[in-house]
Amino acid sequence: MGSVTTFDRLVGKMDGAMVVVTTAHDGERSGCLVGLHGQCSIEPPLYAVWLSVANRTYEVARSARRVAVHVLDRADRSVAELFGAITGDEVDKFSLCQWTAGTDGVP
Protein backbone atom coordinates (compact mmCIF):
# COMPACT_ATOMS: atom_id res chain seq x y z
CA MET A 1 0.00 0.00 0.00
CA GLY A 2 1.22 3.50 -0.82
CA SER A 3 1.66 6.45 1.50
CA VAL A 4 -1.25 7.72 3.54
CA THR A 5 -2.69 10.86 1.95
CA THR A 6 -4.77 13.69 3.38
CA PHE A 7 -7.77 12.06 1.69
CA ASP A 8 -7.03 8.75 3.46
CA ARG A 9 -6.72 10.47 6.85
CA LEU A 10 -9.99 12.39 6.39
CA VAL A 11 -12.00 9.41 5.19
CA GLY A 12 -10.52 7.29 7.98
CA LYS A 13 -11.95 9.69 10.58
CA MET A 14 -15.47 9.53 9.17
CA ASP A 15 -17.85 7.21 10.93
CA GLY A 16 -20.87 7.45 8.67
CA ALA A 17 -22.29 10.45 10.50
CA MET A 18 -23.99 13.31 8.74
CA VAL A 19 -22.03 15.89 6.76
CA VAL A 20 -22.96 19.33 5.49
CA VAL A 21 -22.51 20.00 1.79
CA THR A 22 -22.13 23.61 0.64
CA THR A 23 -21.79 25.09 -2.80
CA ALA A 24 -22.09 28.37 -4.67
CA HIS A 25 -22.86 29.42 -8.20
CA ASP A 26 -23.55 32.77 -9.85
CA GLY A 27 -23.70 34.60 -6.50
CA GLU A 28 -26.02 32.09 -4.81
CA ARG A 29 -24.84 30.03 -1.82
CA SER A 30 -26.56 26.85 -0.73
CA GLY A 31 -26.01 24.08 1.78
CA CYS A 32 -27.75 21.08 3.28
CA LEU A 33 -27.31 18.23 5.72
CA VAL A 34 -26.49 14.95 3.94
CA GLY A 35 -26.72 11.46 5.39
CA LEU A 36 -25.89 9.43 2.30
CA HIS A 37 -22.21 9.77 1.45
CA GLY A 38 -19.09 7.67 1.31
CA GLN A 39 -15.86 6.71 -0.38
CA CYS A 40 -16.64 5.26 -3.80
CA SER A 41 -13.18 4.53 -5.21
CA ILE A 42 -9.75 3.70 -3.82
CA GLU A 43 -7.69 4.47 -6.94
CA PRO A 44 -8.26 7.19 -7.80
CA PRO A 45 -9.50 8.24 -4.35
CA LEU A 46 -13.05 9.48 -4.83
CA TYR A 47 -15.83 10.43 -2.43
CA ALA A 48 -19.53 10.70 -3.32
CA VAL A 49 -22.43 12.56 -1.75
CA TRP A 50 -26.02 12.04 -2.78
CA LEU A 51 -28.20 15.15 -2.78
CA SER A 52 -31.97 15.00 -2.92
CA VAL A 53 -33.38 16.41 -6.17
CA ALA A 54 -36.02 18.11 -4.01
CA ASN A 55 -33.34 20.17 -2.26
CA ARG A 56 -32.26 23.61 -3.51
CA THR A 57 -28.63 22.65 -2.90
CA TYR A 58 -28.98 20.03 -5.62
CA GLU A 59 -30.03 22.69 -8.13
CA VAL A 60 -27.18 25.04 -7.22
CA ALA A 61 -24.64 22.18 -7.19
CA ARG A 62 -25.64 21.07 -10.70
CA SER A 63 -24.27 24.33 -12.09
CA ALA A 64 -21.43 24.87 -9.62
CA ARG A 65 -17.82 23.99 -10.30
CA ARG A 66 -17.25 22.81 -6.73
CA VAL A 67 -18.96 21.56 -3.61
CA ALA A 68 -17.49 21.33 -0.13
CA VAL A 69 -18.13 18.43 2.23
CA HIS A 70 -17.92 19.50 5.87
CA VAL A 71 -17.25 16.67 8.31
CA LEU A 72 -19.14 17.22 11.56
CA ASP A 73 -18.55 16.05 15.10
CA ARG A 74 -20.60 16.33 18.30
CA ALA A 75 -19.56 19.96 18.79
CA ASP A 76 -21.19 20.81 15.44
CA ARG A 77 -24.72 19.82 16.44
CA SER A 78 -26.05 23.36 15.94
CA VAL A 79 -24.61 23.42 12.40
CA ALA A 80 -26.27 20.08 11.63
CA GLU A 81 -29.58 21.36 12.96
CA LEU A 82 -29.30 24.61 10.99
CA PHE A 83 -28.54 22.89 7.67
CA GLY A 84 -30.91 20.00 8.29
CA ALA A 85 -33.99 21.71 9.68
CA ILE A 86 -34.21 25.04 7.88
CA THR A 87 -34.91 25.37 4.18
CA GLY A 88 -32.70 27.71 2.20
CA ASP A 89 -35.76 28.64 0.14
CA GLU A 90 -37.04 30.68 3.08
CA VAL A 91 -33.98 31.61 5.18
CA ASP A 92 -30.36 32.50 4.40
CA LYS A 93 -28.73 29.81 6.55
CA PHE A 94 -25.32 31.41 6.08
CA SER A 95 -26.48 34.58 7.86
CA LEU A 96 -27.06 32.40 10.93
CA CYS A 97 -23.56 30.91 11.20
CA GLN A 98 -19.91 31.83 10.79
CA TRP A 99 -18.32 30.92 7.49
CA THR A 100 -15.68 31.98 5.01
CA ALA A 101 -15.68 31.84 1.24
CA GLY A 102 -13.38 29.28 -0.31
CA THR A 103 -12.52 28.61 -3.93
CA ASP A 104 -15.25 29.84 -6.31
CA GLY A 105 -17.06 31.40 -3.32
CA VAL A 106 -18.03 28.01 -1.86
CA PRO A 107 -18.73 28.38 1.87
C-alpha atoms as a PDB file:
ATOM      1  CA  MET A   1       0.000   0.000   0.000  1.00  0.00           C
ATOM      2  CA  GLY A   2       1.216   3.505  -0.822  1.00  0.00           C
ATOM      3  CA  SER A   3       1.657   6.451   1.496  1.00  0.00           C
ATOM      4  CA  VAL A   4      -1.254   7.724   3.544  1.00  0.00           C
ATOM      5  CA  THR A   5      -2.686  10.859   1.948  1.00  0.00           C
ATOM      6  CA  THR A   6      -4.770  13.692   3.380  1.00  0.00           C
ATOM      7  CA  PHE A   7      -7.772  12.064   1.691  1.00  0.00           C
ATOM      8  CA  ASP A   8      -7.029   8.754   3.460  1.00  0.00           C
ATOM      9  CA  ARG A   9      -6.723  10.471   6.851  1.00  0.00           C
ATOM     10  CA  LEU A  10      -9.987  12.386   6.391  1.00  0.00           C
ATOM     11  CA  VAL A  11     -12.003   9.411   5.186  1.00  0.00           C
ATOM     12  CA  GLY A  12     -10.516   7.288   7.977  1.00  0.00           C
ATOM     13  CA  LYS A  13     -11.953   9.689  10.577  1.00  0.00           C
ATOM     14  CA  MET A  14     -15.466   9.531   9.175  1.00  0.00           C
ATOM     15  CA  ASP A  15     -17.851   7.208  10.931  1.00  0.00           C
ATOM     16  CA  GLY A  16     -20.874   7.455   8.674  1.00  0.00           C
ATOM     17  CA  ALA A  17     -22.295  10.445  10.500  1.00  0.00           C
ATOM     18  CA  MET A  18     -23.995  13.309   8.740  1.00  0.00           C
ATOM     19  CA  VAL A  19     -22.030  15.891   6.756  1.00  0.00           C
ATOM     20  CA  VAL A  20     -22.958  19.330   5.493  1.00  0.00           C
ATOM     21  CA  VAL A  21     -22.510  20.002   1.789  1.00  0.00           C
ATOM     22  CA  THR A  22     -22.133  23.606   0.639  1.00  0.00           C
ATOM     23  CA  THR A  23     -21.790  25.092  -2.797  1.00  0.00           C
ATOM     24  CA  ALA A  24     -22.090  28.373  -4.666  1.00  0.00           C
ATOM     25  CA  HIS A  25     -22.861  29.423  -8.204  1.00  0.00           C
ATOM     26  CA  ASP A  26     -23.550  32.770  -9.851  1.00  0.00           C
ATOM     27  CA  GLY A  27     -23.700  34.596  -6.500  1.00  0.00           C
ATOM     28  CA  GLU A  28     -26.016  32.086  -4.810  1.00  0.00           C
ATOM     29  CA  ARG A  29     -24.842  30.030  -1.817  1.00  0.00           C
ATOM     30  CA  SER A  30     -26.556  26.855  -0.732  1.00  0.00           C
ATOM     31  CA  GLY A  31     -26.010  24.078   1.781  1.00  0.00           C
ATOM     32  CA  CYS A  32     -27.749  21.077   3.283  1.00  0.00           C
ATOM     33  CA  LEU A  33     -27.308  18.228   5.716  1.00  0.00           C
ATOM     34  CA  VAL A  34     -26.487  14.946   3.939  1.00  0.00           C
ATOM     35  CA  GLY A  35     -26.719  11.464   5.388  1.00  0.00           C
ATOM     36  CA  LEU A  36     -25.895   9.427   2.300  1.00  0.00           C
ATOM     37  CA  HIS A  37     -22.209   9.768   1.450  1.00  0.00           C
ATOM     38  CA  GLY A  38     -19.091   7.669   1.308  1.00  0.00           C
ATOM     39  CA  GLN A  39     -15.858   6.709  -0.383  1.00  0.00           C
ATOM     40  CA  CYS A  40     -16.643   5.260  -3.796  1.00  0.00           C
ATOM     41  CA  SER A  41     -13.180   4.530  -5.209  1.00  0.00           C
ATOM     42  CA  ILE A  42      -9.751   3.698  -3.823  1.00  0.00           C
ATOM     43  CA  GLU A  43      -7.690   4.473  -6.937  1.00  0.00           C
ATOM     44  CA  PRO A  44      -8.257   7.193  -7.799  1.00  0.00           C
ATOM     45  CA  PRO A  45      -9.496   8.243  -4.353  1.00  0.00           C
ATOM     46  CA  LEU A  46     -13.055   9.480  -4.834  1.00  0.00           C
ATOM     47  CA  TYR A  47     -15.830  10.425  -2.430  1.00  0.00           C
ATOM     48  CA  ALA A  48     -19.533  10.700  -3.315  1.00  0.00           C
ATOM     49  CA  VAL A  49     -22.426  12.559  -1.754  1.00  0.00           C
ATOM     50  CA  TRP A  50     -26.020  12.038  -2.780  1.00  0.00           C
ATOM     51  CA  LEU A  51     -28.204  15.152  -2.780  1.00  0.00           C
ATOM     52  CA  SER A  52     -31.971  15.005  -2.925  1.00  0.00           C
ATOM     53  CA  VAL A  53     -33.376  16.411  -6.170  1.00  0.00           C
ATOM     54  CA  ALA A  54     -36.021  18.114  -4.013  1.00  0.00           C
ATOM     55  CA  ASN A  55     -33.340  20.167  -2.258  1.00  0.00           C
ATOM     56  CA  ARG A  56     -32.258  23.612  -3.505  1.00  0.00           C
ATOM     57  CA  THR A  57     -28.630  22.655  -2.903  1.00  0.00           C
ATOM     58  CA  TYR A  58     -28.982  20.026  -5.618  1.00  0.00           C
ATOM     59  CA  GLU A  59     -30.029  22.687  -8.127  1.00  0.00           C
ATOM     60  CA  VAL A  60     -27.177  25.035  -7.224  1.00  0.00           C
ATOM     61  CA  ALA A  61     -24.637  22.180  -7.189  1.00  0.00           C
ATOM     62  CA  ARG A  62     -25.643  21.066 -10.696  1.00  0.00           C
ATOM     63  CA  SER A  63     -24.274  24.335 -12.091  1.00  0.00           C
ATOM     64  CA  ALA A  64     -21.427  24.869  -9.619  1.00  0.00           C
ATOM     65  CA  ARG A  65     -17.820  23.990 -10.296  1.00  0.00           C
ATOM     66  CA  ARG A  66     -17.254  22.808  -6.729  1.00  0.00           C
ATOM     67  CA  VAL A  67     -18.964  21.559  -3.613  1.00  0.00           C
ATOM     68  CA  ALA A  68     -17.488  21.330  -0.132  1.00  0.00           C
ATOM     69  CA  VAL A  69     -18.129  18.434   2.232  1.00  0.00           C
ATOM     70  CA  HIS A  70     -17.924  19.504   5.873  1.00  0.00           C
ATOM     71  CA  VAL A  71     -17.252  16.674   8.314  1.00  0.00           C
ATOM     72  CA  LEU A  72     -19.137  17.217  11.561  1.00  0.00           C
ATOM     73  CA  ASP A  73     -18.553  16.055  15.101  1.00  0.00           C
ATOM     74  CA  ARG A  74     -20.600  16.326  18.300  1.00  0.00           C
ATOM     75  CA  ALA A  75     -19.557  19.962  18.793  1.00  0.00           C
ATOM     76  CA  ASP A  76     -21.191  20.814  15.441  1.00  0.00           C
ATOM     77  CA  ARG A  77     -24.724  19.815  16.435  1.00  0.00           C
ATOM     78  CA  SER A  78     -26.052  23.361  15.941  1.00  0.00           C
ATOM     79  CA  VAL A  79     -24.614  23.420  12.402  1.00  0.00           C
ATOM     80  CA  ALA A  80     -26.269  20.078  11.631  1.00  0.00           C
ATOM     81  CA  GLU A  81     -29.584  21.360  12.965  1.00  0.00           C
ATOM     82  CA  LEU A  82     -29.304  24.606  10.989  1.00  0.00           C
ATOM     83  CA  PHE A  83     -28.542  22.893   7.669  1.00  0.00           C
ATOM     84  CA  GLY A  84     -30.913  20.004   8.294  1.00  0.00           C
ATOM     85  CA  ALA A  85     -33.992  21.707   9.683  1.00  0.00           C
ATOM     86  CA  ILE A  86     -34.206  25.040   7.885  1.00  0.00           C
ATOM     87  CA  THR A  87     -34.909  25.368   4.180  1.00  0.00           C
ATOM     88  CA  GLY A  88     -32.701  27.713   2.196  1.00  0.00           C
ATOM     89  CA  ASP A  89     -35.756  28.641   0.137  1.00  0.00           C
ATOM     90  CA  GLU A  90     -37.039  30.681   3.078  1.00  0.00           C
ATOM     91  CA  VAL A  91     -33.979  31.610   5.179  1.00  0.00           C
ATOM     92  CA  ASP A  92     -30.358  32.497   4.397  1.00  0.00           C
ATOM     93  CA  LYS A  93     -28.728  29.810   6.549  1.00  0.00           C
ATOM     94  CA  PHE A  94     -25.320  31.415   6.082  1.00  0.00           C
ATOM     95  CA  SER A  95     -26.477  34.577   7.862  1.00  0.00           C
ATOM     96  CA  LEU A  96     -27.064  32.397  10.929  1.00  0.00           C
ATOM     97  CA  CYS A  97     -23.558  30.912  11.204  1.00  0.00           C
ATOM     98  CA  GLN A  98     -19.914  31.834  10.791  1.00  0.00           C
ATOM     99  CA  TRP A  99     -18.321  30.916   7.493  1.00  0.00           C
ATOM    100  CA  THR A 100     -15.676  31.980   5.015  1.00  0.00           C
ATOM    101  CA  ALA A 101     -15.679  31.842   1.242  1.00  0.00           C
ATOM    102  CA  GLY A 102     -13.377  29.280  -0.307  1.00  0.00           C
ATOM    103  CA  THR A 103     -12.524  28.613  -3.934  1.00  0.00           C
ATOM    104  CA  ASP A 104     -15.249  29.844  -6.310  1.00  0.00           C
ATOM    105  CA  GLY A 105     -17.060  31.395  -3.316  1.00  0.00           C
ATOM    106  CA  VAL A 106     -18.033  28.013  -1.858  1.00  0.00           C
ATOM    107  CA  PRO A 107     -18.733  28.380   1.866  1.00  0.00           C
END
